[in-house]
Every structure is written in C-alpha cells, then in structure tokens.
Amino acid sequence: MQPGTERPTNIRGRIFALACGTSWLLYLHRYTFSLIKPQLKQEWQLESDELGLLDSGFSLAYTVFQVPLGIACDALGVRLILTLMIVVWSIGLGLHAGASTTAALWYARGLMGAGQSAVYAALNRISRQWFAPGVRTTLQGFVAATAGRIGGMSAGLLFGSLLVGLLGVPWREAVYLFAGLGLTYAAAFFVMFRNTPREHPRVNEAEVRLIAGDIVVAGDEGAAPGAAVPAPPRMTVRRMVGSLSPRGLLNLVAVNVQTILSTLADNIYSNWIPLFLAEVYFWGPEKQGAFSALPLLGGAVAGVVGGLLNDWFIRRTGNRRWSRVGVAMAGKGMASLLLFTALIWYDNPYVFCGFLIFVKLFGDWSLVTTWGVITDIGGRATATVFAFNNAVAGFALIGAPALFGYMAKEYGWYSVFVTVAVTYALCALSWLAINCSIPLFDPKADD
C-alpha cells in the first residue's frame, strides 16, 4: 500500500463507546437516589419536601461547579478532569450509604453533584474533538439521551427490581456495589482515553487526517476536505471573554431559558417517580424499579430518533436553524399534549405509566437538539459554553425538587404532573427565539 493510502484506524469507535459508558454510569448512579427515597422516608420519617431539599443539595453543587470544571476541560483536557469527576461522584454515592444523619446525607448529595456537574460538558467536547459535524448530532443523541436513559433504566431494574426487590440486598450494600463499579470505570477511562486523536498512540495518521478533514471550526470553513486543519491558538478565559458577540450572548440567553424549562420538567423522572408510585399506587420496590424505568425506555429511543431527525432535516433542507427548531418544538409540544391526555387516566396506574413512556420519548428528543445547538454556537469553547448552560439550568435543578416535594405534600401528585405538562408547552414555544447559526464568539477574534 502506497504512503498516504493506508486504511484509517477506528479508535474513534472506542472513544464513542467510552462516552456512552460514561453517560450510562452517570445516570445509573444519579437515579439510584430516587429509588432509596421510599426507604429513607420510612427509616428516617422524612416528608417529601425534606427529601426535595436533599436533592437541592445535589443540584446546588452541580450548579456551582459547572463552569469551573467546564473551563478546566477546555484548558486542561477531558482525560484528567473527567476521570477525577467520575472518582468524586462515585465516592459521593458511596457516602450515601454511610450517612447516619440528614446533614451527612446532604453533604454526600453535594459531593456527588460536584462530581457529575460538568460531565456532559466534557462529553460534548469529546464529540467535537473526535467526530465530524455530519454525524455529530446523531452520535450526541446516542451518548446524551440513549446511553444516559438506559443508565437510568438500569438503576430501576438492577438496583430497585433485582438487588433490593428480588434478591433482598440491603440498599446500603447495593449502593456500595454501584460506587465500586464507578471507581473501576474511572481507572479504565483514564487508561483508554486521550484528549485528541493525535495524542492517542493507536490512532494512525489516516484516521487523524480523516477526522481533521471533516472538522470545520470557526475561521476554517474554506479548508479543503482532507487537508490538515492548523491548530488554533489555545482557548483561554481572556480570549473567550474578548471574543464574545453581543448577538451571540442574546442567543445564548434564549438557549438558557429553554434549558431551564426542560430541566424543570425532567426533574419528575430523575427524582420522584418511585416515590410517586409508592404513595399513589402503593407499589413495592419491584414495581417501583420496573415502572420508573419504563419512561426512560422512551428517552433512550429519543436519543436515536432525535439525533437522526436533526441530521436528516439539516441535510434535506440545508437550513440548520429551522431544522433544529422544528424537531425541538415538535418534541416538547407532543410531550405536553400527551401528558395532559395521560392525566385523564391518572387513576389507572398501568395506562398512566404507559403514557409516560411516550411523554418521555417526545420530551427527550429535543435534548439532542440542545447539544447540537451548543456545539454549533460554542466553537472551541464548547465545554465551557455547555457548562455555563447547565449552570444556568441549575436554577431549575435547585428549585424543582423543593417545588415538587412541596406540591406533592400540600396538593398531591396530580398537581405536579399538571405543572410538568405546562412547562413542556412553554419550553416548546421558547425554541422560536433560538438561532443556532449565530456563534457566541466572533471568529475574527483569533486573527
């Protein structure tokens, strides 16, 4: 074989698997707390609003550490920072089992929130460094929604239905088992991952050129396919601030608004479904685990469908902005309509839970669109921009547990689901203000 015609290696496939594994593990661990809420409520005589405040401890740390760790990913590289985050959140999960007071449990929630804070910012940067724009949204859908939602399903099925329910493993021992899995994965990630294709010892030059030739960064749109893209100047905080575009900032605010609304609605799945099933339908751990996992099946499908729809419409229409807006609005709008319809059968647990599968499916496919928009507008600071967006969404993460816990206690769970349906509708409308073709940073600032 002549020089320059060697077959590219496919290490990017392994990187994709690592990204999916990280997303799966994050949700496996995150959804575990919702499954131990019924036990905590019984053991420690806690009310729903008190449990909500424990979730707010997670969300507070999640919000505070988003931007610093997102900047660290851009400046120091994903390999080191993401490995450390997996270690920290796994230790935090383990401390849940060792907590003897609600104060200790609140700090354990906070440590776990800090560890999980900028994980998706890091994964967003991985998608930009390792994959081409033409398939990036589809891959992001697999990572963010499909792998993550399967992780949440796994928590319900493995922790709730299997370990605690069928096998009778004490919940604290099951938590320690999950925490050990996280520490093992962190070590494997550090060994197998590299920040860029060129840094990976098993990536050949053909794969480096294949990835570089497909990547278009701000200022390099005219680069010839297959040509090596010159390394841009290192992104620093000063460079980011100096190159901010006023129009881009307003556009980012619109993205922030829809993310806050989406996060508020999604909180019902991540924090409350098992307790809702226990209090309204009087189901035990086996059914709690299985039926809290069902909506996440819809979310897993949404990761595939949402990514494919984004990329297909962009190719078909040539209009990136309205392709993304159309997919996102349709998803959130249908989620609102289906949830209002599901409330007609609120007293029938099997029909209502069946509807939640499709509510989650439509609600989640716009999650992929959000990833795509941030990658479009964030440029080389995509991890920082993603982290900032998640930090702003932290207002919903902090407020939603307290809000839903209070509403469930004072007005019942029906009112919580009505609030979620209204929030979906508002989120759909907010997409009209978002334009993914407006970059946050002025490309000329690097000249």
Protein backbone atom coordinates (compact mmCIF):
# COMPACT_ATOMS: atom_id res chain seq x y z
CA MET A 1 0.00 0.00 0.00
CA GLN A 2 1.34 3.38 -1.01
CA PRO A 3 2.10 6.00 1.63
CA GLY A 4 -0.94 8.17 2.31
CA THR A 5 -3.38 5.40 1.27
CA GLU A 6 -3.32 3.36 4.48
CA ARG A 7 -6.69 2.37 5.92
CA PRO A 8 -7.72 4.62 8.84
CA THR A 9 -7.86 3.03 12.24
CA ASN A 10 -11.17 3.19 14.08
CA ILE A 11 -10.18 4.25 17.58
CA ARG A 12 -12.93 6.87 17.45
CA GLY A 13 -15.36 3.95 17.73
CA ARG A 14 -13.81 3.05 21.09
CA ILE A 15 -13.98 6.68 22.17
CA PHE A 16 -17.68 6.66 21.31
CA ALA A 17 -18.11 3.56 23.49
CA LEU A 18 -16.30 5.28 26.37
CA ALA A 19 -18.53 8.35 26.03
CA CYS A 20 -21.65 6.16 26.07
CA GLY A 21 -20.32 4.22 29.05
CA THR A 22 -19.72 7.42 30.99
CA SER A 23 -23.24 8.67 30.28
CA TRP A 24 -24.71 5.29 31.25
CA LEU A 25 -22.80 5.21 34.53
CA LEU A 26 -23.74 8.79 35.41
CA TYR A 27 -27.46 8.08 35.14
CA LEU A 28 -27.14 4.67 36.78
CA HIS A 29 -25.75 6.45 39.84
CA ARG A 30 -27.93 9.57 39.66
CA TYR A 31 -31.25 7.70 39.52
CA THR A 32 -30.27 5.45 42.41
CA PHE A 33 -31.19 8.09 44.99
CA SER A 34 -34.79 8.27 43.76
CA LEU A 35 -35.03 4.52 44.39
CA ILE A 36 -33.92 4.77 48.03
CA LYS A 37 -36.27 7.65 48.85
CA PRO A 38 -39.13 5.35 49.96
CA GLN A 39 -36.74 3.55 52.35
CA LEU A 40 -35.37 6.84 53.68
CA LYS A 41 -38.85 8.21 54.17
CA GLN A 42 -39.75 5.14 56.22
CA GLU A 43 -36.48 4.79 58.17
CA TRP A 44 -35.93 8.46 58.99
CA GLN A 45 -39.56 9.66 58.96
CA LEU A 46 -38.87 12.27 56.28
CA GLU A 47 -41.51 14.23 54.37
CA SER A 48 -41.46 14.76 50.60
CA ASP A 49 -40.37 18.38 50.96
CA GLU A 50 -37.41 17.28 53.13
CA LEU A 51 -36.38 14.75 50.50
CA GLY A 52 -36.63 17.52 47.94
CA LEU A 53 -34.17 19.62 49.92
CA LEU A 54 -31.68 16.73 49.80
CA ASP A 55 -31.98 16.77 46.01
CA SER A 56 -31.41 20.51 46.10
CA GLY A 57 -28.09 19.84 47.85
CA PHE A 58 -27.03 17.79 44.82
CA SER A 59 -28.27 20.49 42.47
CA LEU A 60 -26.56 23.34 44.29
CA ALA A 61 -23.13 21.73 43.96
CA TYR A 62 -23.96 20.63 40.41
CA THR A 63 -24.64 24.25 39.51
CA VAL A 64 -21.69 25.85 41.32
CA PHE A 65 -19.05 23.55 39.81
CA GLN A 66 -20.36 23.53 36.22
CA VAL A 67 -18.43 26.48 34.83
CA PRO A 68 -15.11 26.00 36.68
CA LEU A 69 -14.92 22.35 35.62
CA GLY A 70 -16.11 23.15 32.10
CA ILE A 71 -13.29 25.67 31.75
CA ALA A 72 -10.89 23.07 33.18
CA CYS A 73 -11.98 20.61 30.47
CA ASP A 74 -11.22 23.15 27.75
CA ALA A 75 -7.93 24.26 29.32
CA LEU A 76 -6.50 21.05 30.85
CA GLY A 77 -8.18 18.38 28.76
CA VAL A 78 -11.05 15.97 29.25
CA ARG A 79 -8.94 12.94 30.17
CA LEU A 80 -7.75 14.23 33.54
CA ILE A 81 -10.80 16.26 34.53
CA LEU A 82 -13.44 13.71 33.58
CA THR A 83 -11.55 10.89 35.32
CA LEU A 84 -11.44 12.96 38.51
CA MET A 85 -15.14 13.76 38.23
CA ILE A 86 -16.05 10.06 37.96
CA VAL A 87 -13.95 9.31 41.05
CA VAL A 88 -15.53 12.15 43.04
CA TRP A 89 -19.13 11.34 42.19
CA SER A 90 -18.58 7.61 42.88
CA ILE A 91 -17.16 8.41 46.32
CA GLY A 92 -20.12 10.73 46.91
CA LEU A 93 -22.52 7.92 46.01
CA GLY A 94 -20.78 5.57 48.44
CA LEU A 95 -21.12 8.15 51.22
CA HIS A 96 -24.91 7.99 50.81
CA ALA A 97 -24.80 4.53 52.35
CA GLY A 98 -22.53 5.63 55.22
CA ALA A 99 -24.55 8.71 56.19
CA SER A 100 -26.13 8.49 59.64
CA THR A 101 -27.86 11.89 59.65
CA THR A 102 -29.72 14.00 57.13
CA ALA A 103 -26.92 16.58 57.33
CA ALA A 104 -24.32 13.96 56.36
CA LEU A 105 -26.58 12.77 53.56
CA TRP A 106 -26.94 16.36 52.30
CA TYR A 107 -23.14 16.68 52.05
CA ALA A 108 -22.93 13.31 50.26
CA ARG A 109 -25.51 14.60 47.77
CA GLY A 110 -23.43 17.74 47.31
CA LEU A 111 -20.22 15.78 46.64
CA MET A 112 -21.99 13.66 44.08
CA GLY A 113 -23.43 16.78 42.43
CA ALA A 114 -19.99 18.36 42.19
CA GLY A 115 -18.59 15.24 40.55
CA GLN A 116 -21.37 14.99 37.98
CA SER A 117 -21.55 18.72 37.26
CA ALA A 118 -19.57 19.17 34.05
CA VAL A 119 -19.64 15.60 32.74
CA TYR A 120 -21.83 16.38 29.74
CA ALA A 121 -19.76 19.44 29.01
CA ALA A 122 -16.77 17.11 28.79
CA LEU A 123 -18.68 14.64 26.60
CA ASN A 124 -19.76 17.49 24.33
CA ARG A 125 -16.10 18.42 23.87
CA ILE A 126 -15.28 14.78 23.08
CA SER A 127 -17.88 14.79 20.31
CA ARG A 128 -16.29 17.90 18.80
CA GLN A 129 -12.71 16.62 19.02
CA TRP A 130 -13.33 13.09 17.77
CA PHE A 131 -16.28 13.23 15.31
CA ALA A 132 -17.35 15.06 12.15
CA PRO A 133 -20.21 17.60 12.04
CA GLY A 134 -22.22 15.49 9.60
CA VAL A 135 -22.80 12.71 12.16
CA ARG A 136 -22.15 14.60 15.38
CA THR A 137 -25.75 15.23 16.42
CA THR A 138 -26.66 11.58 15.86
CA LEU A 139 -23.71 10.48 17.98
CA GLN A 140 -24.58 13.04 20.65
CA GLY A 141 -28.08 11.58 20.73
CA PHE A 142 -26.70 8.13 21.47
CA VAL A 143 -24.41 9.48 24.18
CA ALA A 144 -26.61 12.04 25.91
CA ALA A 145 -30.07 10.53 25.66
CA THR A 146 -29.87 6.86 24.69
CA ALA A 147 -26.94 5.75 26.86
CA GLY A 148 -27.96 8.05 29.71
CA ARG A 149 -31.59 6.93 29.74
CA ILE A 150 -30.53 3.28 29.56
CA GLY A 151 -28.40 4.03 32.62
CA GLY A 152 -31.48 5.37 34.41
CA MET A 153 -33.43 2.28 33.33
CA SER A 154 -30.62 0.11 34.63
CA ALA A 155 -30.85 1.79 38.02
CA GLY A 156 -34.54 0.94 38.25
CA LEU A 157 -34.15 -2.62 37.03
CA LEU A 158 -30.82 -3.58 38.63
CA PHE A 159 -30.96 -1.63 41.89
CA GLY A 160 -34.70 -1.46 42.53
CA SER A 161 -36.23 -4.58 40.99
CA LEU A 162 -33.30 -7.04 41.13
CA LEU A 163 -30.92 -6.24 44.01
CA VAL A 164 -33.26 -4.65 46.58
CA GLY A 165 -36.53 -6.18 45.36
CA LEU A 166 -35.98 -9.78 44.23
CA LEU A 167 -32.65 -10.59 45.91
CA GLY A 168 -33.33 -8.66 49.10
CA VAL A 169 -29.91 -6.98 49.21
CA PRO A 170 -29.92 -4.14 51.79
CA TRP A 171 -29.98 -0.85 49.98
CA ARG A 172 -26.75 0.36 51.58
CA GLU A 173 -24.81 -2.67 50.34
CA ALA A 174 -26.25 -2.17 46.85
CA VAL A 175 -25.07 1.47 46.93
CA TYR A 176 -21.53 0.39 47.86
CA LEU A 177 -21.56 -2.07 44.95
CA PHE A 178 -22.53 0.66 42.50
CA ALA A 179 -19.88 3.03 43.91
CA GLY A 180 -17.17 0.39 43.41
CA LEU A 181 -18.27 -0.04 39.80
CA GLY A 182 -17.76 3.70 39.30
CA LEU A 183 -14.22 3.72 40.65
CA THR A 184 -13.31 0.77 38.43
CA TYR A 185 -14.70 2.54 35.38
CA ALA A 186 -12.74 5.72 36.19
CA ALA A 187 -9.48 3.77 36.06
CA ALA A 188 -10.44 2.14 32.75
CA PHE A 189 -11.39 5.51 31.24
CA PHE A 190 -8.07 7.10 32.18
CA VAL A 191 -6.11 4.24 30.60
CA MET A 192 -8.10 4.08 27.34
CA PHE A 193 -8.92 7.73 26.57
CA ARG A 194 -6.86 10.56 25.06
CA ASN A 195 -7.92 14.17 24.56
CA THR A 196 -7.41 14.26 20.79
CA PRO A 197 -6.88 11.72 18.01
CA ARG A 198 -3.28 12.85 17.52
CA GLU A 199 -2.47 12.17 21.18
CA HIS A 200 -3.75 8.58 21.04
CA PRO A 201 -0.90 6.09 20.44
CA ARG A 202 -3.11 3.69 18.44
CA VAL A 203 -4.58 6.24 16.02
CA ASN A 204 -2.77 6.26 12.70
CA GLU A 205 -2.19 9.30 10.51
CA ALA A 206 -5.01 8.32 8.16
CA GLU A 207 -7.57 8.50 10.96
CA VAL A 208 -6.13 11.78 12.21
CA ARG A 209 -6.46 13.28 8.73
CA LEU A 210 -9.94 11.80 8.25
CA ILE A 211 -11.21 13.45 11.45
CA ALA A 212 -9.34 16.71 10.85
CA GLY A 213 -10.54 16.93 7.27
CA ASP A 214 -14.17 16.67 8.34
CA ILE A 215 -13.98 19.12 11.24
CA VAL A 216 -14.82 22.71 10.39
CA VAL A 217 -14.04 25.26 13.07
CA ALA A 218 -14.80 28.97 13.09
CA GLY A 219 -12.47 30.63 10.61
CA ASP A 220 -11.62 27.38 8.76
CA GLU A 221 -14.81 26.96 6.68
CA GLY A 222 -12.86 27.18 3.45
CA ALA A 223 -10.44 24.39 4.28
CA ALA A 224 -10.23 21.70 1.62
CA PRO A 225 -11.56 18.24 2.54
CA GLY A 226 -8.78 16.02 3.77
CA ALA A 227 -6.46 18.93 4.45
CA ALA A 228 -4.91 19.13 7.86
CA VAL A 229 -6.55 21.87 9.93
CA PRO A 230 -3.93 24.07 11.59
CA ALA A 231 -4.05 24.12 15.36
CA PRO A 232 -5.80 27.29 16.53
CA PRO A 233 -4.47 29.33 19.42
CA ARG A 234 -5.12 27.83 22.85
CA MET A 235 -8.52 28.89 24.18
CA THR A 236 -8.12 30.90 27.35
CA VAL A 237 -10.65 32.68 29.58
CA ARG A 238 -9.31 36.05 28.40
CA ARG A 239 -9.66 35.04 24.75
CA MET A 240 -13.20 33.77 25.34
CA VAL A 241 -14.34 36.96 27.08
CA GLY A 242 -12.66 39.19 24.49
CA SER A 243 -14.33 37.46 21.56
CA LEU A 244 -17.92 37.36 22.87
CA SER A 245 -20.53 38.54 20.35
CA PRO A 246 -23.48 40.64 21.65
CA ARG A 247 -25.91 38.84 19.32
CA GLY A 248 -24.39 35.55 20.40
CA LEU A 249 -24.97 36.39 24.06
CA LEU A 250 -28.66 37.11 23.48
CA ASN A 251 -28.95 33.86 21.58
CA LEU A 252 -27.31 32.00 24.47
CA VAL A 253 -29.85 33.53 26.86
CA ALA A 254 -32.63 32.01 24.72
CA VAL A 255 -30.90 28.62 24.90
CA ASN A 256 -30.62 29.05 28.67
CA VAL A 257 -34.36 29.74 29.03
CA GLN A 258 -35.39 26.58 27.20
CA THR A 259 -32.85 24.54 29.16
CA ILE A 260 -34.27 25.80 32.46
CA LEU A 261 -37.79 24.82 31.38
CA SER A 262 -36.68 21.44 30.06
CA THR A 263 -34.73 20.69 33.24
CA LEU A 264 -37.69 21.64 35.42
CA ALA A 265 -39.95 19.19 33.56
CA ASP A 266 -37.37 16.41 33.54
CA ASN A 267 -36.95 16.52 37.31
CA ILE A 268 -40.09 14.44 37.78
CA TYR A 269 -38.34 11.45 36.17
CA SER A 270 -34.94 11.77 37.79
CA ASN A 271 -36.13 12.36 41.35
CA TRP A 272 -39.73 11.43 42.02
CA ILE A 273 -41.30 8.57 40.05
CA PRO A 274 -40.52 5.74 42.55
CA LEU A 275 -41.90 7.74 45.48
CA PHE A 276 -44.96 8.72 43.40
CA LEU A 277 -45.61 5.04 42.63
CA ALA A 278 -45.23 4.13 46.30
CA GLU A 279 -47.54 6.86 47.62
CA VAL A 280 -50.26 6.89 44.95
CA TYR A 281 -50.41 3.25 43.81
CA PHE A 282 -48.85 1.63 46.93
CA TRP A 283 -46.34 -0.39 44.90
CA GLY A 284 -43.29 -2.09 46.41
CA PRO A 285 -39.62 -1.98 45.28
CA GLU A 286 -40.04 -4.47 42.42
CA LYS A 287 -42.77 -2.47 40.69
CA GLN A 288 -41.18 0.85 41.63
CA GLY A 289 -37.97 -0.18 39.88
CA ALA A 290 -39.64 -1.61 36.80
CA PHE A 291 -42.21 1.13 36.21
CA SER A 292 -39.84 4.01 36.98
CA ALA A 293 -37.59 2.52 34.28
CA LEU A 294 -40.32 2.48 31.62
CA PRO A 295 -40.34 6.23 30.82
CA LEU A 296 -36.58 6.05 30.35
CA LEU A 297 -37.14 3.49 27.60
CA GLY A 298 -38.85 6.30 25.72
CA GLY A 299 -35.93 8.59 26.49
CA ALA A 300 -33.47 6.01 25.16
CA VAL A 301 -35.37 5.78 21.86
CA ALA A 302 -35.48 9.58 21.74
CA GLY A 303 -31.69 9.74 21.70
CA VAL A 304 -31.61 7.80 18.45
CA VAL A 305 -34.65 9.42 16.85
CA GLY A 306 -33.77 12.98 17.85
CA GLY A 307 -30.23 12.78 16.54
CA LEU A 308 -31.25 11.19 13.26
CA LEU A 309 -34.05 13.72 12.74
CA ASN A 310 -31.72 16.66 13.33
CA ASP A 311 -29.08 15.43 10.89
CA TRP A 312 -31.66 14.29 8.30
CA PHE A 313 -33.56 17.60 8.23
CA ILE A 314 -30.34 19.59 8.06
CA ARG A 315 -29.17 17.57 5.05
CA ARG A 316 -32.63 17.65 3.46
CA THR A 317 -33.41 21.35 3.85
CA GLY A 318 -29.97 22.90 4.10
CA ASN A 319 -31.37 25.09 6.88
CA ARG A 320 -29.68 24.24 10.15
CA ARG A 321 -31.61 26.71 12.30
CA TRP A 322 -35.17 25.75 11.41
CA SER A 323 -34.34 22.08 11.22
CA ARG A 324 -33.24 22.17 14.85
CA VAL A 325 -36.14 24.40 15.94
CA GLY A 326 -38.73 22.23 14.18
CA VAL A 327 -37.50 19.00 15.74
CA ALA A 328 -37.30 20.51 19.22
CA MET A 329 -40.70 22.24 19.13
CA ALA A 330 -42.44 19.13 17.84
CA GLY A 331 -40.92 17.04 20.61
CA LYS A 332 -41.75 19.31 23.53
CA GLY A 333 -45.19 20.16 22.13
CA MET A 334 -46.14 16.49 21.78
CA ALA A 335 -44.83 15.77 25.28
CA SER A 336 -47.16 18.44 26.70
CA LEU A 337 -50.17 17.17 24.76
CA LEU A 338 -49.57 13.54 25.71
CA LEU A 339 -49.09 14.31 29.39
CA PHE A 340 -52.34 16.28 29.56
CA THR A 341 -54.02 13.31 27.85
CA ALA A 342 -52.42 10.84 30.28
CA LEU A 343 -53.93 12.70 33.24
CA ILE A 344 -57.37 11.52 32.07
CA TRP A 345 -56.27 8.03 33.14
CA TYR A 346 -54.41 9.15 36.27
CA ASP A 347 -56.32 6.65 38.44
CA ASN A 348 -55.29 3.73 36.21
CA PRO A 349 -51.60 3.14 37.03
CA TYR A 350 -50.85 0.90 34.04
CA VAL A 351 -52.36 3.22 31.44
CA PHE A 352 -50.86 6.33 33.04
CA CYS A 353 -47.37 4.79 33.26
CA GLY A 354 -47.71 3.58 29.67
CA PHE A 355 -48.35 7.14 28.53
CA LEU A 356 -45.24 8.33 30.38
CA ILE A 357 -43.08 6.25 28.02
CA PHE A 358 -44.21 8.36 25.06
CA VAL A 359 -44.19 11.61 27.02
CA LYS A 360 -40.53 10.99 27.82
CA LEU A 361 -39.77 9.95 24.23
CA PHE A 362 -41.05 13.21 22.74
CA GLY A 363 -39.76 15.31 25.64
CA ASP A 364 -36.23 13.97 25.29
CA TRP A 365 -35.56 14.17 21.58
CA SER A 366 -35.07 17.93 21.89
CA LEU A 367 -32.27 17.21 24.39
CA VAL A 368 -30.19 16.11 21.43
CA THR A 369 -31.07 19.33 19.65
CA THR A 370 -29.77 21.34 22.60
CA TRP A 371 -26.44 19.52 22.40
CA GLY A 372 -26.28 20.26 18.69
CA VAL A 373 -27.06 23.95 19.17
CA ILE A 374 -24.37 24.37 21.83
CA THR A 375 -21.81 22.64 19.63
CA ASP A 376 -22.84 24.92 16.74
CA ILE A 377 -22.52 28.17 18.69
CA GLY A 378 -19.79 27.26 21.18
CA GLY A 379 -16.86 26.69 18.81
CA ARG A 380 -13.63 25.69 20.51
CA ALA A 381 -15.03 26.67 23.92
CA THR A 382 -17.89 24.20 23.61
CA ALA A 383 -17.25 22.55 27.00
CA THR A 384 -17.30 25.92 28.75
CA VAL A 385 -20.47 27.02 26.94
CA PHE A 386 -22.15 23.71 27.69
CA ALA A 387 -21.16 24.00 31.34
CA PHE A 388 -22.49 27.57 31.54
CA ASN A 389 -25.81 26.45 30.04
CA ASN A 390 -26.05 23.65 32.59
CA ALA A 391 -25.08 26.03 35.39
CA VAL A 392 -27.97 28.33 34.47
CA ALA A 393 -30.24 25.29 34.31
CA GLY A 394 -29.12 24.68 37.88
CA PHE A 395 -31.75 27.21 38.97
CA ALA A 396 -34.34 24.64 37.89
CA LEU A 397 -32.33 21.77 39.36
CA ILE A 398 -32.22 23.51 42.74
CA GLY A 399 -35.79 24.78 42.70
CA ALA A 400 -37.64 21.83 41.14
CA PRO A 401 -37.03 19.27 43.94
CA ALA A 402 -38.18 21.72 46.60
CA LEU A 403 -41.14 22.82 44.45
CA PHE A 404 -42.31 19.32 43.51
CA GLY A 405 -41.76 18.00 47.03
CA TYR A 406 -43.86 20.82 48.47
CA MET A 407 -46.60 20.46 45.84
CA ALA A 408 -46.80 16.69 46.37
CA LYS A 409 -47.12 17.17 50.12
CA GLU A 410 -49.66 20.01 50.05
CA TYR A 411 -51.65 19.48 46.84
CA GLY A 412 -50.95 15.92 45.69
CA TRP A 413 -49.04 14.36 42.81
CA TYR A 414 -51.70 15.25 40.21
CA SER A 415 -50.78 18.93 40.52
CA VAL A 416 -47.11 18.08 39.96
CA PHE A 417 -47.85 16.40 36.63
CA VAL A 418 -50.04 19.32 35.51
CA THR A 419 -47.12 21.65 36.21
CA VAL A 420 -44.80 19.44 34.15
CA ALA A 421 -47.23 19.44 31.20
CA VAL A 422 -47.48 23.24 31.24
CA THR A 423 -43.69 23.51 31.43
CA TYR A 424 -43.31 21.31 28.34
CA ALA A 425 -45.61 23.67 26.40
CA LEU A 426 -43.64 26.76 27.44
CA CYS A 427 -40.39 25.05 26.51
CA ALA A 428 -41.71 24.29 23.02
CA LEU A 429 -42.52 27.97 22.46
CA SER A 430 -39.11 29.10 23.74
CA TRP A 431 -37.39 27.43 20.77
CA LEU A 432 -38.71 30.15 18.45
CA ALA A 433 -36.12 32.53 19.92
CA ILE A 434 -33.10 30.24 19.31
CA ASN A 435 -30.83 30.54 16.27
CA CYS A 436 -28.02 28.00 16.09
CA SER A 437 -26.39 29.89 13.20
CA ILE A 438 -25.32 32.78 15.47
CA PRO A 439 -21.92 31.99 17.02
CA LEU A 440 -21.29 33.01 20.59
CA PHE A 441 -17.72 34.06 19.79
CA ASP A 442 -16.57 36.30 16.94
CA PRO A 443 -14.45 34.08 14.61
CA LYS A 444 -12.26 37.09 13.73
CA ALA A 445 -11.08 37.36 17.33
CA ASP A 446 -8.46 34.68 16.67
CA ASP A 447 -6.95 36.56 13.73
